[in-house]
Amino acid sequence: MKIGLTGGIGSGKSSVAALLAKRGIQVVDADAIAREVVEPGSSGLAALVEQFGSGIQQADGSLNRAALAEIAFSSTAATAALNAITHPLIVERTSQLFALAPEGSVVVHDIALLTELGLGDNYDLVVVVDCPDEVRIARLVNRGLTAQDARARIEAQATREDRLAIADVVVDNSGSWRSLELQVDELFERIEREAANNAS
């Protein structure tokens, strides 16, 4: 059973992924894969350096993400060049990780851009972690962003309405940690039921 887990920046998607992993569900983390495919010595990093220059590397040869972002998001052409390099590598590695899962097992794909990439139909269940924008902004400010930067990052992603429109399950993360845990318990029970039905 393949589950898509998404939510906007500051929504707490990673917290839900961690709670599901704690309950024994395999989680494939899109952000971790995006970092893995551009590690030092990788073909991904070599292609980025060829495209954008050696200025995107740290002194130790690793990727300087801030330097890359400054160049890659300076124009639509540069962003397209970045995506042309990284997206195929991410898709390939994601497919490999899903293929490694035992037959009949449940795998959660933790992916921020599920809505933006139009991937909703790829999953048996789409879980959206949701909370009001003001709550998300407050969380991001607590992480060190300015309110203006936080709002800009939220506006650069899909709207809440677009995400909620593709949700099979909505986890409301505007309350307490205990409230989140109880909702994840309910989600886990539903996943177990549906996985059992799929297997029978």
N, C-alpha and C. Protein backbone atom coordinates (compact mmCIF):
# COMPACT_ATOMS: atom_id res chain seq x y z
N MET A 1 0.85 -1.19 0.00
CA MET A 1 0.00 0.00 0.00
C MET A 1 0.89 1.25 0.00
N LYS A 2 0.60 2.15 -0.89
CA LYS A 2 1.43 3.34 -1.09
C LYS A 2 0.66 4.58 -0.64
N ILE A 3 1.23 5.28 0.34
CA ILE A 3 0.56 6.44 0.92
C ILE A 3 1.36 7.69 0.64
N GLY A 4 0.69 8.73 0.16
CA GLY A 4 1.34 10.02 -0.04
C GLY A 4 1.06 10.90 1.17
N LEU A 5 2.11 11.43 1.77
CA LEU A 5 1.99 12.31 2.94
C LEU A 5 2.53 13.67 2.56
N THR A 6 1.70 14.71 2.70
CA THR A 6 2.15 16.04 2.31
C THR A 6 1.59 17.09 3.26
N GLY A 7 2.08 18.30 3.08
CA GLY A 7 1.66 19.43 3.90
C GLY A 7 2.59 20.59 3.61
N GLY A 8 2.09 21.78 3.77
CA GLY A 8 2.91 22.96 3.49
C GLY A 8 3.99 23.16 4.53
N ILE A 9 4.95 24.00 4.21
CA ILE A 9 6.04 24.29 5.13
C ILE A 9 5.48 24.79 6.46
N GLY A 10 6.00 24.23 7.55
CA GLY A 10 5.53 24.63 8.88
C GLY A 10 4.27 23.93 9.35
N SER A 11 3.75 23.00 8.54
CA SER A 11 2.51 22.32 8.92
C SER A 11 2.73 21.20 9.92
N GLY A 12 3.96 20.65 9.96
CA GLY A 12 4.22 19.53 10.85
C GLY A 12 4.20 18.19 10.15
N LYS A 13 4.34 18.20 8.84
CA LYS A 13 4.35 16.96 8.05
C LYS A 13 5.43 16.00 8.54
N SER A 14 6.61 16.52 8.83
CA SER A 14 7.71 15.67 9.28
C SER A 14 7.41 15.02 10.63
N SER A 15 6.66 15.72 11.47
CA SER A 15 6.26 15.15 12.77
C SER A 15 5.34 13.96 12.57
N VAL A 16 4.41 14.08 11.63
CA VAL A 16 3.50 12.97 11.34
C VAL A 16 4.27 11.79 10.74
N ALA A 17 5.22 12.09 9.85
CA ALA A 17 6.06 11.02 9.27
C ALA A 17 6.81 10.29 10.37
N ALA A 18 7.37 11.04 11.33
CA ALA A 18 8.13 10.44 12.43
C ALA A 18 7.23 9.56 13.31
N LEU A 19 6.02 10.02 13.56
CA LEU A 19 5.08 9.24 14.38
C LEU A 19 4.67 7.95 13.67
N LEU A 20 4.51 8.00 12.36
CA LEU A 20 4.17 6.79 11.60
C LEU A 20 5.36 5.83 11.58
N ALA A 21 6.57 6.38 11.42
CA ALA A 21 7.77 5.54 11.43
C ALA A 21 7.93 4.84 12.78
N LYS A 22 7.59 5.57 13.84
CA LYS A 22 7.67 5.02 15.20
C LYS A 22 6.72 3.83 15.37
N ARG A 23 5.64 3.83 14.59
CA ARG A 23 4.67 2.74 14.64
C ARG A 23 5.03 1.61 13.67
N GLY A 24 6.21 1.71 13.07
CA GLY A 24 6.72 0.61 12.26
C GLY A 24 6.47 0.72 10.77
N ILE A 25 5.96 1.86 10.31
CA ILE A 25 5.70 2.03 8.88
C ILE A 25 6.95 2.59 8.20
N GLN A 26 7.30 2.03 7.06
CA GLN A 26 8.46 2.52 6.31
C GLN A 26 8.13 3.87 5.69
N VAL A 27 9.02 4.84 5.89
CA VAL A 27 8.83 6.18 5.32
C VAL A 27 9.94 6.46 4.31
N VAL A 28 9.55 6.84 3.10
CA VAL A 28 10.49 7.29 2.07
C VAL A 28 10.43 8.82 2.06
N ASP A 29 11.53 9.45 2.46
CA ASP A 29 11.57 10.90 2.66
C ASP A 29 12.13 11.59 1.40
N ALA A 30 11.27 12.34 0.72
CA ALA A 30 11.68 13.00 -0.53
C ALA A 30 12.82 14.00 -0.30
N ASP A 31 12.79 14.71 0.83
CA ASP A 31 13.86 15.68 1.12
C ASP A 31 15.20 14.97 1.31
N ALA A 32 15.17 13.84 2.02
CA ALA A 32 16.42 13.08 2.24
C ALA A 32 16.98 12.57 0.91
N ILE A 33 16.09 12.14 0.02
CA ILE A 33 16.53 11.66 -1.30
C ILE A 33 17.14 12.81 -2.11
N ALA A 34 16.49 13.98 -2.03
CA ALA A 34 16.99 15.16 -2.76
C ALA A 34 18.41 15.52 -2.30
N ARG A 35 18.70 15.31 -1.01
CA ARG A 35 20.05 15.57 -0.50
C ARG A 35 21.01 14.46 -0.94
N GLU A 36 20.51 13.22 -0.91
CA GLU A 36 21.36 12.07 -1.23
C GLU A 36 21.89 12.12 -2.66
N VAL A 37 21.04 12.53 -3.61
CA VAL A 37 21.44 12.47 -5.02
C VAL A 37 22.46 13.54 -5.41
N VAL A 38 22.76 14.47 -4.48
CA VAL A 38 23.78 15.49 -4.77
C VAL A 38 24.89 15.47 -3.71
N GLU A 39 25.09 14.31 -3.10
CA GLU A 39 26.18 14.17 -2.13
C GLU A 39 27.53 14.26 -2.85
N PRO A 40 28.60 14.58 -2.11
CA PRO A 40 29.94 14.62 -2.74
C PRO A 40 30.26 13.30 -3.43
N GLY A 41 30.79 13.40 -4.64
CA GLY A 41 31.14 12.21 -5.41
C GLY A 41 30.02 11.68 -6.27
N SER A 42 28.81 12.26 -6.14
CA SER A 42 27.67 11.77 -6.92
C SER A 42 27.64 12.38 -8.31
N SER A 43 26.99 11.65 -9.23
CA SER A 43 26.83 12.18 -10.59
C SER A 43 25.94 13.42 -10.57
N GLY A 44 25.01 13.48 -9.61
CA GLY A 44 24.12 14.64 -9.50
C GLY A 44 24.89 15.91 -9.19
N LEU A 45 25.80 15.83 -8.23
CA LEU A 45 26.59 17.02 -7.88
C LEU A 45 27.50 17.42 -9.05
N ALA A 46 28.10 16.44 -9.70
CA ALA A 46 28.97 16.73 -10.84
C ALA A 46 28.20 17.47 -11.94
N ALA A 47 26.96 17.03 -12.19
CA ALA A 47 26.13 17.68 -13.22
C ALA A 47 25.76 19.10 -12.82
N LEU A 48 25.50 19.31 -11.53
CA LEU A 48 25.17 20.67 -11.06
C LEU A 48 26.37 21.60 -11.20
N VAL A 49 27.56 21.10 -10.85
CA VAL A 49 28.77 21.92 -10.97
C VAL A 49 29.04 22.27 -12.43
N GLU A 50 28.82 21.29 -13.31
CA GLU A 50 29.02 21.54 -14.75
C GLU A 50 28.05 22.61 -15.25
N GLN A 51 26.81 22.56 -14.73
CA GLN A 51 25.77 23.50 -15.17
C GLN A 51 25.95 24.89 -14.56
N PHE A 52 26.23 24.94 -13.25
CA PHE A 52 26.19 26.21 -12.52
C PHE A 52 27.55 26.73 -12.05
N GLY A 53 28.62 25.94 -12.24
CA GLY A 53 29.96 26.39 -11.85
C GLY A 53 30.39 25.91 -10.47
N SER A 54 31.70 25.95 -10.24
CA SER A 54 32.26 25.43 -8.99
C SER A 54 31.94 26.31 -7.78
N GLY A 55 31.38 27.48 -8.02
CA GLY A 55 31.00 28.38 -6.93
C GLY A 55 29.87 27.82 -6.06
N ILE A 56 29.21 26.75 -6.52
CA ILE A 56 28.11 26.17 -5.73
C ILE A 56 28.63 25.11 -4.76
N GLN A 57 29.97 24.94 -4.70
CA GLN A 57 30.54 23.95 -3.78
C GLN A 57 31.19 24.62 -2.58
N GLN A 58 31.11 23.92 -1.44
CA GLN A 58 31.84 24.34 -0.25
C GLN A 58 33.31 23.98 -0.44
N ALA A 59 34.16 24.42 0.48
CA ALA A 59 35.60 24.12 0.42
C ALA A 59 35.87 22.62 0.47
N ASP A 60 34.98 21.87 1.16
CA ASP A 60 35.18 20.41 1.27
C ASP A 60 34.59 19.64 0.09
N GLY A 61 34.07 20.36 -0.90
CA GLY A 61 33.52 19.71 -2.08
C GLY A 61 32.04 19.43 -2.03
N SER A 62 31.42 19.63 -0.85
CA SER A 62 29.98 19.39 -0.74
C SER A 62 29.20 20.56 -1.35
N LEU A 63 27.91 20.35 -1.54
CA LEU A 63 27.07 21.36 -2.18
C LEU A 63 26.79 22.51 -1.22
N ASN A 64 26.98 23.72 -1.69
CA ASN A 64 26.59 24.92 -0.96
C ASN A 64 25.17 25.27 -1.41
N ARG A 65 24.21 24.85 -0.62
CA ARG A 65 22.80 24.97 -1.04
C ARG A 65 22.37 26.42 -1.22
N ALA A 66 22.85 27.29 -0.36
CA ALA A 66 22.48 28.70 -0.46
C ALA A 66 23.01 29.30 -1.77
N ALA A 67 24.25 28.96 -2.11
CA ALA A 67 24.84 29.48 -3.36
C ALA A 67 24.10 28.93 -4.58
N LEU A 68 23.74 27.65 -4.52
CA LEU A 68 22.98 27.06 -5.63
C LEU A 68 21.62 27.74 -5.77
N ALA A 69 20.94 27.93 -4.64
CA ALA A 69 19.60 28.53 -4.68
C ALA A 69 19.65 29.94 -5.28
N GLU A 70 20.68 30.69 -4.91
CA GLU A 70 20.81 32.06 -5.41
C GLU A 70 20.89 32.09 -6.93
N ILE A 71 21.62 31.12 -7.50
CA ILE A 71 21.76 31.06 -8.96
C ILE A 71 20.55 30.39 -9.60
N ALA A 72 20.17 29.23 -9.04
CA ALA A 72 19.15 28.40 -9.69
C ALA A 72 17.76 29.02 -9.68
N PHE A 73 17.49 29.88 -8.70
CA PHE A 73 16.16 30.50 -8.63
C PHE A 73 16.17 31.94 -9.11
N SER A 74 17.25 32.30 -9.83
CA SER A 74 17.35 33.67 -10.34
C SER A 74 16.55 33.88 -11.63
N SER A 75 16.21 32.76 -12.29
CA SER A 75 15.41 32.85 -13.52
C SER A 75 14.69 31.53 -13.74
N THR A 76 13.65 31.57 -14.55
CA THR A 76 12.89 30.34 -14.82
C THR A 76 13.75 29.34 -15.59
N ALA A 77 14.65 29.85 -16.44
CA ALA A 77 15.52 28.96 -17.22
C ALA A 77 16.50 28.23 -16.29
N ALA A 78 17.04 28.96 -15.31
CA ALA A 78 17.98 28.35 -14.37
C ALA A 78 17.28 27.31 -13.49
N THR A 79 16.06 27.64 -13.07
CA THR A 79 15.27 26.69 -12.26
C THR A 79 14.96 25.44 -13.06
N ALA A 80 14.61 25.64 -14.33
CA ALA A 80 14.32 24.49 -15.20
C ALA A 80 15.56 23.62 -15.38
N ALA A 81 16.73 24.24 -15.47
CA ALA A 81 17.98 23.49 -15.61
C ALA A 81 18.25 22.67 -14.36
N LEU A 82 18.02 23.27 -13.19
CA LEU A 82 18.18 22.56 -11.92
C LEU A 82 17.26 21.34 -11.86
N ASN A 83 15.99 21.57 -12.19
CA ASN A 83 15.00 20.49 -12.13
C ASN A 83 15.31 19.37 -13.12
N ALA A 84 15.84 19.75 -14.29
CA ALA A 84 16.17 18.75 -15.31
C ALA A 84 17.28 17.81 -14.83
N ILE A 85 18.14 18.33 -13.96
CA ILE A 85 19.22 17.50 -13.42
C ILE A 85 18.73 16.66 -12.24
N THR A 86 18.07 17.33 -11.29
CA THR A 86 17.75 16.64 -10.03
C THR A 86 16.51 15.76 -10.08
N HIS A 87 15.46 16.19 -10.78
CA HIS A 87 14.20 15.43 -10.74
C HIS A 87 14.33 13.99 -11.23
N PRO A 88 15.00 13.74 -12.37
CA PRO A 88 15.13 12.33 -12.80
C PRO A 88 15.88 11.47 -11.79
N LEU A 89 16.90 12.04 -11.15
CA LEU A 89 17.67 11.30 -10.15
C LEU A 89 16.81 11.00 -8.92
N ILE A 90 16.00 11.97 -8.52
CA ILE A 90 15.12 11.78 -7.37
C ILE A 90 14.06 10.71 -7.67
N VAL A 91 13.48 10.79 -8.87
CA VAL A 91 12.46 9.80 -9.27
C VAL A 91 13.05 8.40 -9.30
N GLU A 92 14.26 8.27 -9.85
CA GLU A 92 14.91 6.96 -9.95
C GLU A 92 15.20 6.38 -8.56
N ARG A 93 15.74 7.21 -7.66
CA ARG A 93 16.07 6.73 -6.31
C ARG A 93 14.81 6.39 -5.52
N THR A 94 13.76 7.19 -5.71
CA THR A 94 12.48 6.93 -5.04
C THR A 94 11.92 5.59 -5.49
N SER A 95 11.97 5.33 -6.78
CA SER A 95 11.48 4.06 -7.33
C SER A 95 12.26 2.88 -6.75
N GLN A 96 13.58 3.06 -6.61
CA GLN A 96 14.42 1.99 -6.04
C GLN A 96 14.00 1.67 -4.61
N LEU A 97 13.75 2.71 -3.82
CA LEU A 97 13.39 2.51 -2.42
C LEU A 97 12.01 1.84 -2.29
N PHE A 98 11.08 2.23 -3.15
CA PHE A 98 9.76 1.59 -3.13
C PHE A 98 9.88 0.13 -3.54
N ALA A 99 10.74 -0.14 -4.50
CA ALA A 99 10.92 -1.52 -4.99
C ALA A 99 11.53 -2.42 -3.92
N LEU A 100 12.28 -1.84 -2.99
CA LEU A 100 12.92 -2.63 -1.94
C LEU A 100 11.93 -3.05 -0.85
N ALA A 101 10.79 -2.39 -0.79
CA ALA A 101 9.80 -2.72 0.24
C ALA A 101 9.20 -4.10 -0.04
N PRO A 102 9.04 -4.92 1.01
CA PRO A 102 8.46 -6.26 0.82
C PRO A 102 7.06 -6.16 0.21
N GLU A 103 6.71 -7.14 -0.58
CA GLU A 103 5.39 -7.16 -1.23
C GLU A 103 4.30 -7.13 -0.16
N GLY A 104 3.31 -6.28 -0.39
CA GLY A 104 2.19 -6.18 0.54
C GLY A 104 2.42 -5.25 1.72
N SER A 105 3.61 -4.65 1.79
CA SER A 105 3.91 -3.76 2.92
C SER A 105 3.35 -2.36 2.66
N VAL A 106 3.30 -1.57 3.73
CA VAL A 106 2.84 -0.19 3.64
C VAL A 106 4.07 0.73 3.58
N VAL A 107 4.07 1.63 2.59
CA VAL A 107 5.16 2.60 2.47
C VAL A 107 4.55 4.00 2.39
N VAL A 108 5.07 4.89 3.23
CA VAL A 108 4.62 6.29 3.22
C VAL A 108 5.65 7.13 2.47
N HIS A 109 5.19 7.89 1.49
CA HIS A 109 6.07 8.80 0.74
C HIS A 109 5.87 10.20 1.31
N ASP A 110 6.86 10.67 2.07
CA ASP A 110 6.83 11.98 2.70
C ASP A 110 7.33 12.99 1.67
N ILE A 111 6.40 13.75 1.05
CA ILE A 111 6.77 14.59 -0.09
C ILE A 111 6.04 15.93 -0.04
N ALA A 112 6.81 17.00 0.12
CA ALA A 112 6.23 18.34 0.25
C ALA A 112 5.48 18.78 -1.01
N LEU A 113 6.01 18.42 -2.18
CA LEU A 113 5.46 18.94 -3.44
C LEU A 113 4.47 18.00 -4.12
N LEU A 114 3.84 17.13 -3.35
CA LEU A 114 2.90 16.17 -3.93
C LEU A 114 1.81 16.89 -4.73
N THR A 115 1.23 17.93 -4.15
CA THR A 115 0.15 18.66 -4.81
C THR A 115 0.67 19.40 -6.04
N GLU A 116 1.80 20.11 -5.87
CA GLU A 116 2.36 20.90 -6.97
C GLU A 116 2.72 20.04 -8.17
N LEU A 117 3.18 18.81 -7.92
CA LEU A 117 3.60 17.92 -9.00
C LEU A 117 2.44 17.09 -9.56
N GLY A 118 1.25 17.26 -9.00
CA GLY A 118 0.07 16.54 -9.50
C GLY A 118 0.16 15.03 -9.33
N LEU A 119 0.70 14.59 -8.18
CA LEU A 119 0.96 13.16 -7.98
C LEU A 119 -0.13 12.44 -7.18
N GLY A 120 -1.21 13.14 -6.86
CA GLY A 120 -2.24 12.55 -6.01
C GLY A 120 -2.73 11.17 -6.43
N ASP A 121 -2.87 10.96 -7.73
CA ASP A 121 -3.40 9.68 -8.24
C ASP A 121 -2.40 8.54 -8.13
N ASN A 122 -1.16 8.83 -7.74
CA ASN A 122 -0.13 7.79 -7.64
C ASN A 122 -0.23 6.97 -6.36
N TYR A 123 -1.13 7.37 -5.44
CA TYR A 123 -1.16 6.75 -4.12
C TYR A 123 -2.52 6.11 -3.83
N ASP A 124 -2.48 5.10 -2.94
CA ASP A 124 -3.73 4.49 -2.49
C ASP A 124 -4.46 5.40 -1.51
N LEU A 125 -3.68 6.25 -0.83
CA LEU A 125 -4.24 7.15 0.18
C LEU A 125 -3.38 8.40 0.21
N VAL A 126 -4.01 9.58 0.21
CA VAL A 126 -3.28 10.84 0.33
C VAL A 126 -3.62 11.47 1.68
N VAL A 127 -2.58 11.70 2.48
CA VAL A 127 -2.74 12.30 3.80
C VAL A 127 -2.17 13.71 3.76
N VAL A 128 -2.99 14.69 4.13
CA VAL A 128 -2.55 16.08 4.15
C VAL A 128 -2.51 16.57 5.60
N VAL A 129 -1.34 17.06 6.02
CA VAL A 129 -1.20 17.68 7.34
C VAL A 129 -1.49 19.16 7.17
N ASP A 130 -2.45 19.65 7.94
CA ASP A 130 -2.96 21.00 7.69
C ASP A 130 -3.02 21.82 8.98
N CYS A 131 -2.79 23.12 8.85
CA CYS A 131 -3.09 24.08 9.91
C CYS A 131 -3.13 25.47 9.29
N PRO A 132 -3.73 26.42 9.98
CA PRO A 132 -3.85 27.77 9.41
C PRO A 132 -2.50 28.40 9.11
N ASP A 133 -2.47 29.26 8.11
CA ASP A 133 -1.22 29.91 7.69
C ASP A 133 -0.57 30.68 8.84
N GLU A 134 -1.38 31.32 9.67
CA GLU A 134 -0.80 32.11 10.76
C GLU A 134 -0.04 31.24 11.75
N VAL A 135 -0.53 30.02 11.97
CA VAL A 135 0.16 29.08 12.85
C VAL A 135 1.49 28.67 12.21
N ARG A 136 1.45 28.41 10.92
CA ARG A 136 2.67 28.02 10.20
C ARG A 136 3.70 29.15 10.23
N ILE A 137 3.25 30.39 10.03
CA ILE A 137 4.16 31.54 10.04
C ILE A 137 4.82 31.65 11.42
N ALA A 138 4.02 31.50 12.48
CA ALA A 138 4.57 31.59 13.85
C ALA A 138 5.64 30.52 14.07
N ARG A 139 5.40 29.31 13.57
CA ARG A 139 6.39 28.23 13.72
C ARG A 139 7.67 28.55 12.96
N LEU A 140 7.52 29.07 11.76
CA LEU A 140 8.69 29.39 10.94
C LEU A 140 9.50 30.55 11.54
N VAL A 141 8.81 31.51 12.13
CA VAL A 141 9.49 32.62 12.81
C VAL A 141 10.28 32.07 14.00
N ASN A 142 9.69 31.09 14.70
CA ASN A 142 10.40 30.44 15.82
C ASN A 142 11.66 29.72 15.35
N ARG A 143 11.66 29.30 14.08
CA ARG A 143 12.84 28.63 13.51
C ARG A 143 13.89 29.63 13.02
N GLY A 144 13.57 30.93 13.06
CA GLY A 144 14.56 31.93 12.69
C GLY A 144 14.25 32.73 11.44
N LEU A 145 13.13 32.42 10.76
CA LEU A 145 12.77 33.21 9.57
C LEU A 145 12.06 34.49 10.00
N THR A 146 12.11 35.49 9.15
CA THR A 146 11.27 36.67 9.39
C THR A 146 9.86 36.33 8.96
N ALA A 147 8.89 37.06 9.45
CA ALA A 147 7.49 36.82 9.07
C ALA A 147 7.31 36.99 7.56
N GLN A 148 8.05 37.96 6.99
CA GLN A 148 7.95 38.21 5.55
C GLN A 148 8.49 37.01 4.76
N ASP A 149 9.64 36.48 5.18
CA ASP A 149 10.21 35.31 4.50
C ASP A 149 9.29 34.09 4.65
N ALA A 150 8.74 33.93 5.85
CA ALA A 150 7.85 32.80 6.10
C ALA A 150 6.63 32.86 5.18
N ARG A 151 6.06 34.06 5.07
CA ARG A 151 4.88 34.22 4.22
C ARG A 151 5.23 33.97 2.75
N ALA A 152 6.41 34.43 2.34
CA ALA A 152 6.84 34.23 0.94
C ALA A 152 7.00 32.75 0.64
N ARG A 153 7.56 31.98 1.58
CA ARG A 153 7.74 30.55 1.36
C ARG A 153 6.40 29.83 1.27
N ILE A 154 5.47 30.25 2.12
CA ILE A 154 4.14 29.64 2.09
C ILE A 154 3.45 29.95 0.76
N GLU A 155 3.58 31.20 0.32
CA GLU A 155 2.92 31.61 -0.94
C GLU A 155 3.55 30.96 -2.16
N ALA A 156 4.81 30.50 -2.04
CA ALA A 156 5.49 29.85 -3.17
C ALA A 156 5.01 28.41 -3.36
N GLN A 157 4.29 27.88 -2.35
CA GLN A 157 3.80 26.50 -2.43
C GLN A 157 2.33 26.49 -2.84
N ALA A 158 1.78 25.29 -2.98
CA ALA A 158 0.36 25.14 -3.28
C ALA A 158 -0.47 25.77 -2.16
N THR A 159 -1.68 26.17 -2.47
CA THR A 159 -2.56 26.74 -1.44
C THR A 159 -3.11 25.63 -0.55
N ARG A 160 -3.57 26.00 0.62
CA ARG A 160 -4.23 25.03 1.51
C ARG A 160 -5.39 24.37 0.78
N GLU A 161 -6.15 25.19 0.06
CA GLU A 161 -7.35 24.67 -0.63
C GLU A 161 -6.98 23.60 -1.66
N ASP A 162 -5.88 23.84 -2.39
CA ASP A 162 -5.45 22.87 -3.39
C ASP A 162 -5.03 21.56 -2.75
N ARG A 163 -4.33 21.66 -1.61
CA ARG A 163 -3.90 20.44 -0.91
C ARG A 163 -5.10 19.68 -0.36
N LEU A 164 -6.00 20.42 0.30
CA LEU A 164 -7.16 19.77 0.92
C LEU A 164 -8.06 19.11 -0.13
N ALA A 165 -8.05 19.65 -1.35
CA ALA A 165 -8.90 19.10 -2.42
C ALA A 165 -8.49 17.69 -2.82
N ILE A 166 -7.22 17.31 -2.59
CA ILE A 166 -6.78 15.97 -2.99
C ILE A 166 -6.63 15.03 -1.79
N ALA A 167 -7.01 15.51 -0.60
CA ALA A 167 -6.80 14.71 0.61
C ALA A 167 -7.85 13.62 0.78
N ASP A 168 -7.37 12.41 1.12
CA ASP A 168 -8.28 11.36 1.59
C ASP A 168 -8.42 11.45 3.11
N VAL A 169 -7.33 11.89 3.75
CA VAL A 169 -7.30 12.07 5.20
C VAL A 169 -6.65 13.42 5.49
N VAL A 170 -7.26 14.20 6.39
CA VAL A 170 -6.67 15.47 6.82
C VAL A 170 -6.29 15.33 8.29
N VAL A 171 -5.02 15.60 8.57
CA VAL A 171 -4.53 15.63 9.96
C VAL A 171 -4.40 17.10 10.35
N ASP A 172 -5.20 17.52 11.33
CA ASP A 172 -5.20 18.91 11.78
C ASP A 172 -4.11 19.09 12.84
N ASN A 173 -3.06 19.82 12.48
CA ASN A 173 -1.95 20.01 13.41
C ASN A 173 -1.90 21.44 13.94
N SER A 174 -3.08 21.97 14.27
CA SER A 174 -3.11 23.32 14.84
C SER A 174 -3.24 23.28 16.36
N GLY A 175 -3.36 22.07 16.92
CA GLY A 175 -3.54 21.94 18.37
C GLY A 175 -2.32 21.41 19.08
N SER A 176 -2.57 20.61 20.11
CA SER A 176 -1.50 20.09 20.96
C SER A 176 -0.81 18.88 20.34
N TRP A 177 0.35 18.53 20.91
CA TRP A 177 1.06 17.33 20.48
C TRP A 177 0.20 16.09 20.71
N ARG A 178 -0.52 16.08 21.85
CA ARG A 178 -1.38 14.92 22.16
C ARG A 178 -2.48 14.77 21.11
N SER A 179 -3.05 15.89 20.70
CA SER A 179 -4.08 15.86 19.65
C SER A 179 -3.51 15.26 18.37
N LEU A 180 -2.28 15.64 18.03
CA LEU A 180 -1.63 15.11 16.83
C LEU A 180 -1.43 13.60 16.96
N GLU A 181 -0.94 13.16 18.12
CA GLU A 181 -0.71 11.73 18.34
C GLU A 181 -2.00 10.92 18.20
N LEU A 182 -3.09 11.43 18.74
CA LEU A 182 -4.38 10.73 18.67
C LEU A 182 -4.84 10.60 17.22
N GLN A 183 -4.64 11.67 16.44
CA GLN A 183 -5.03 11.63 15.01
C GLN A 183 -4.16 10.63 14.24
N VAL A 184 -2.87 10.57 14.58
CA VAL A 184 -1.98 9.62 13.92
C VAL A 184 -2.36 8.19 14.31
N ASP A 185 -2.79 7.98 15.56
CA ASP A 185 -3.28 6.66 15.98
C ASP A 185 -4.47 6.23 15.11
N GLU A 186 -5.41 7.17 14.90
CA GLU A 186 -6.57 6.88 14.05
C GLU A 186 -6.14 6.58 12.62
N LEU A 187 -5.19 7.37 12.12
CA LEU A 187 -4.68 7.17 10.77
C LEU A 187 -4.02 5.80 10.66
N PHE A 188 -3.22 5.44 11.65
CA PHE A 188 -2.53 4.15 11.66
C PHE A 188 -3.54 3.00 11.62
N GLU A 189 -4.61 3.12 12.40
CA GLU A 189 -5.64 2.08 12.41
C GLU A 189 -6.30 1.96 11.03
N ARG A 190 -6.56 3.10 10.41
CA ARG A 190 -7.17 3.08 9.07
C ARG A 190 -6.23 2.43 8.06
N ILE A 191 -4.95 2.78 8.14
CA ILE A 191 -3.96 2.20 7.23
C ILE A 191 -3.92 0.68 7.40
N GLU A 192 -3.90 0.21 8.64
CA GLU A 192 -3.88 -1.24 8.90
C GLU A 192 -5.11 -1.92 8.33
N ARG A 193 -6.28 -1.30 8.50
CA ARG A 193 -7.53 -1.88 7.97
C ARG A 193 -7.47 -1.97 6.46
N GLU A 194 -7.08 -0.87 5.81
CA GLU A 194 -7.08 -0.83 4.34
C GLU A 194 -6.01 -1.77 3.77
N ALA A 195 -4.87 -1.85 4.45
CA ALA A 195 -3.81 -2.76 4.00
C ALA A 195 -4.29 -4.21 4.09
N ALA A 196 -5.02 -4.54 5.15
CA ALA A 196 -5.57 -5.89 5.33
C ALA A 196 -6.61 -6.19 4.26
N ASN A 197 -7.45 -5.20 3.94
CA ASN A 197 -8.46 -5.39 2.89
C ASN A 197 -7.81 -5.59 1.53
N ASN A 198 -6.74 -4.84 1.27
CA ASN A 198 -6.03 -4.97 -0.01
C ASN A 198 -5.38 -6.33 -0.15
N ALA A 199 -4.95 -6.88 0.98
CA ALA A 199 -4.25 -8.17 0.95
C ALA A 199 -5.21 -9.34 0.81
N SER A 200 -6.48 -9.13 1.22
CA SER A 200 -7.44 -10.25 1.19
C SER A 200 -8.10 -10.41 -0.16
